[in-house]
Amino acid sequence: QVQLVESGGGLVQPGGSLRLSCAASGSIFGINAMDWYRQAPGKQRELVAGLTSGDSTNYADSVKGRFTISRDNAKNTVYLQMNRLKPEDTAVYYCNARIKTRYWGPLSDYWGQGTQVTVSS
C-alpha cells in the first residue's frame, strides 16, 4: 500500500507564507513525478506545480514567481513553498505522485488526502 501524507496547511494572512509537504510511504520502487494540485469550492482541480524525476519543473501562471516546488528523493517527499499568498490561493491542496510499486509494474497515480490553505485577513 502506498500512502501520501500531506501537512503544512493552515490559515495565513495575505502576503504570508506557508510550506506544504507530502511524504510518500509504502511499497515504492520508483517515483516518476510528484505534483501539487489545488481545488477551490465550485472549481475544477488544477495543477499548481509539477516536478519530474529529472528535476524539470512547471508552474501555473498564477503562481509563478511565488511558489516553488522541490523534492527530497531520500525521503520521498515533495514540498511546495508558497510565498506572497493571495486570497485567491485559498483552496484544498493535494499532492499527486506517479509511482511504480514493482520494477515491471505500471506507473500509477496516488493522491494525498488534501490540506486546506486559507488566505484571509
Protein backbone atom coordinates (compact mmCIF):
# COMPACT_ATOMS: atom_id res chain seq x y z
CA GLN A 1 0.00 0.00 0.00
CA VAL A 2 1.23 3.45 -0.95
CA GLN A 3 0.17 6.48 1.02
CA LEU A 4 0.78 10.17 0.54
CA VAL A 5 0.56 12.20 3.73
CA GLU A 6 0.31 15.96 3.46
CA SER A 7 0.94 18.59 6.08
CA GLY A 8 1.56 22.31 6.39
CA GLY A 9 -1.78 23.84 5.50
CA GLY A 10 -3.48 26.44 7.61
CA LEU A 11 -4.73 29.98 7.87
CA VAL A 12 -2.44 32.76 6.76
CA GLN A 13 -2.82 36.46 6.05
CA PRO A 14 -2.38 37.86 2.56
CA GLY A 15 1.30 38.27 1.81
CA GLY A 16 2.25 35.50 4.16
CA SER A 17 3.93 32.19 3.51
CA LEU A 18 3.27 28.51 4.02
CA ARG A 19 5.27 25.41 3.25
CA LEU A 20 3.40 22.26 2.34
CA SER A 21 4.94 18.84 2.45
CA CYS A 22 3.83 15.47 1.17
CA ALA A 23 5.60 12.27 2.09
CA ALA A 24 5.11 9.06 0.17
CA SER A 25 5.43 5.79 2.03
CA GLY A 26 4.79 2.11 1.46
CA SER A 27 5.89 -0.19 -1.32
CA ILE A 28 7.70 2.16 -3.68
CA PHE A 29 10.09 1.11 -6.38
CA GLY A 30 10.35 4.49 -8.00
CA ILE A 31 8.62 7.82 -8.33
CA ASN A 32 8.35 9.29 -11.79
CA ALA A 33 6.90 12.64 -10.84
CA MET A 34 5.32 14.50 -7.98
CA ASP A 35 2.87 17.34 -8.41
CA TRP A 36 0.74 19.73 -6.44
CA TYR A 37 -2.87 20.44 -7.34
CA ARG A 38 -5.46 22.62 -5.72
CA GLN A 39 -9.22 22.80 -5.78
CA ALA A 40 -11.39 25.66 -4.62
CA PRO A 41 -15.12 25.23 -3.92
CA GLY A 42 -17.09 25.09 -7.14
CA LYS A 43 -13.99 24.90 -9.28
CA GLN A 44 -12.09 22.14 -11.03
CA ARG A 45 -8.91 20.77 -9.63
CA GLU A 46 -5.95 22.48 -11.26
CA LEU A 47 -2.27 21.77 -11.50
CA VAL A 48 -0.25 24.21 -9.42
CA ALA A 49 3.27 22.89 -9.76
CA GLY A 50 4.96 19.80 -11.08
CA LEU A 51 8.35 18.18 -10.68
CA THR A 52 9.63 15.26 -12.72
CA SER A 53 12.28 12.75 -11.75
CA GLY A 54 14.62 14.70 -14.00
CA ASP A 55 14.02 17.82 -11.89
CA SER A 56 12.08 19.64 -14.57
CA THR A 57 9.54 21.99 -13.06
CA ASN A 58 6.42 23.66 -14.28
CA TYR A 59 4.06 26.11 -12.62
CA ALA A 60 0.67 27.56 -13.20
CA ASP A 61 0.90 31.12 -14.44
CA SER A 62 -0.95 32.35 -11.39
CA VAL A 63 1.77 31.15 -9.01
CA LYS A 64 4.95 31.71 -10.99
CA GLY A 65 7.46 33.69 -9.00
CA ARG A 66 5.64 33.00 -5.74
CA PHE A 67 5.58 29.21 -5.36
CA THR A 68 8.48 26.79 -5.50
CA ILE A 69 8.24 23.03 -5.77
CA SER A 70 11.09 20.83 -4.57
CA ARG A 71 11.72 17.21 -3.69
CA ASP A 72 13.83 15.24 -1.28
CA ASN A 73 14.37 11.92 -3.03
CA ALA A 74 15.84 10.25 0.05
CA LYS A 75 12.65 11.00 1.97
CA ASN A 76 10.22 10.52 -0.93
CA THR A 77 8.85 13.90 -0.04
CA VAL A 78 7.74 16.82 -2.17
CA TYR A 79 7.41 20.36 -0.88
CA LEU A 80 5.58 23.43 -2.00
CA GLN A 81 6.91 26.71 -0.68
CA MET A 82 4.22 29.34 -1.05
CA ASN A 83 5.17 32.98 -0.67
CA ARG A 84 3.24 36.23 -1.05
CA LEU A 85 -0.01 34.37 -0.71
CA LYS A 86 -3.19 35.88 -2.07
CA PRO A 87 -6.83 35.27 -1.14
CA GLU A 88 -7.34 33.58 -4.49
CA ASP A 89 -4.82 30.94 -3.42
CA THR A 90 -7.39 29.65 -0.95
CA ALA A 91 -8.11 26.02 -1.78
CA VAL A 92 -7.57 22.46 -0.74
CA TYR A 93 -4.12 21.47 -1.91
CA TYR A 94 -3.43 17.89 -2.98
CA CYS A 95 -0.20 16.17 -3.82
CA ASN A 96 -0.05 13.63 -6.60
CA ALA A 97 2.65 11.12 -7.38
CA ARG A 98 3.17 8.71 -10.23
CA ILE A 99 4.68 5.67 -8.62
CA LYS A 100 5.89 2.22 -9.54
CA THR A 101 5.44 -0.37 -6.81
CA ARG A 102 7.29 -3.06 -8.77
CA TYR A 103 10.13 -2.94 -11.28
CA TRP A 104 7.92 -4.17 -14.15
CA GLY A 105 4.79 -2.57 -12.81
CA PRO A 106 3.00 0.38 -14.35
CA LEU A 107 3.08 3.94 -13.19
CA SER A 108 0.01 4.64 -11.10
CA ASP A 109 -1.39 7.85 -9.69
CA TYR A 110 -1.62 8.30 -5.95
CA TRP A 111 -3.23 11.20 -4.16
CA GLY A 112 -2.85 12.73 -0.77
CA GLN A 113 -5.81 13.48 1.44
CA GLY A 114 -5.58 17.20 0.84
CA THR A 115 -4.69 20.04 3.15
CA GLN A 116 -6.66 23.26 3.49
CA VAL A 117 -4.95 26.56 2.76
CA THR A 118 -6.93 29.65 3.65
CA VAL A 119 -5.59 33.11 2.86
CA SER A 120 -7.60 35.76 4.63
CA SER A 121 -7.17 38.83 6.78
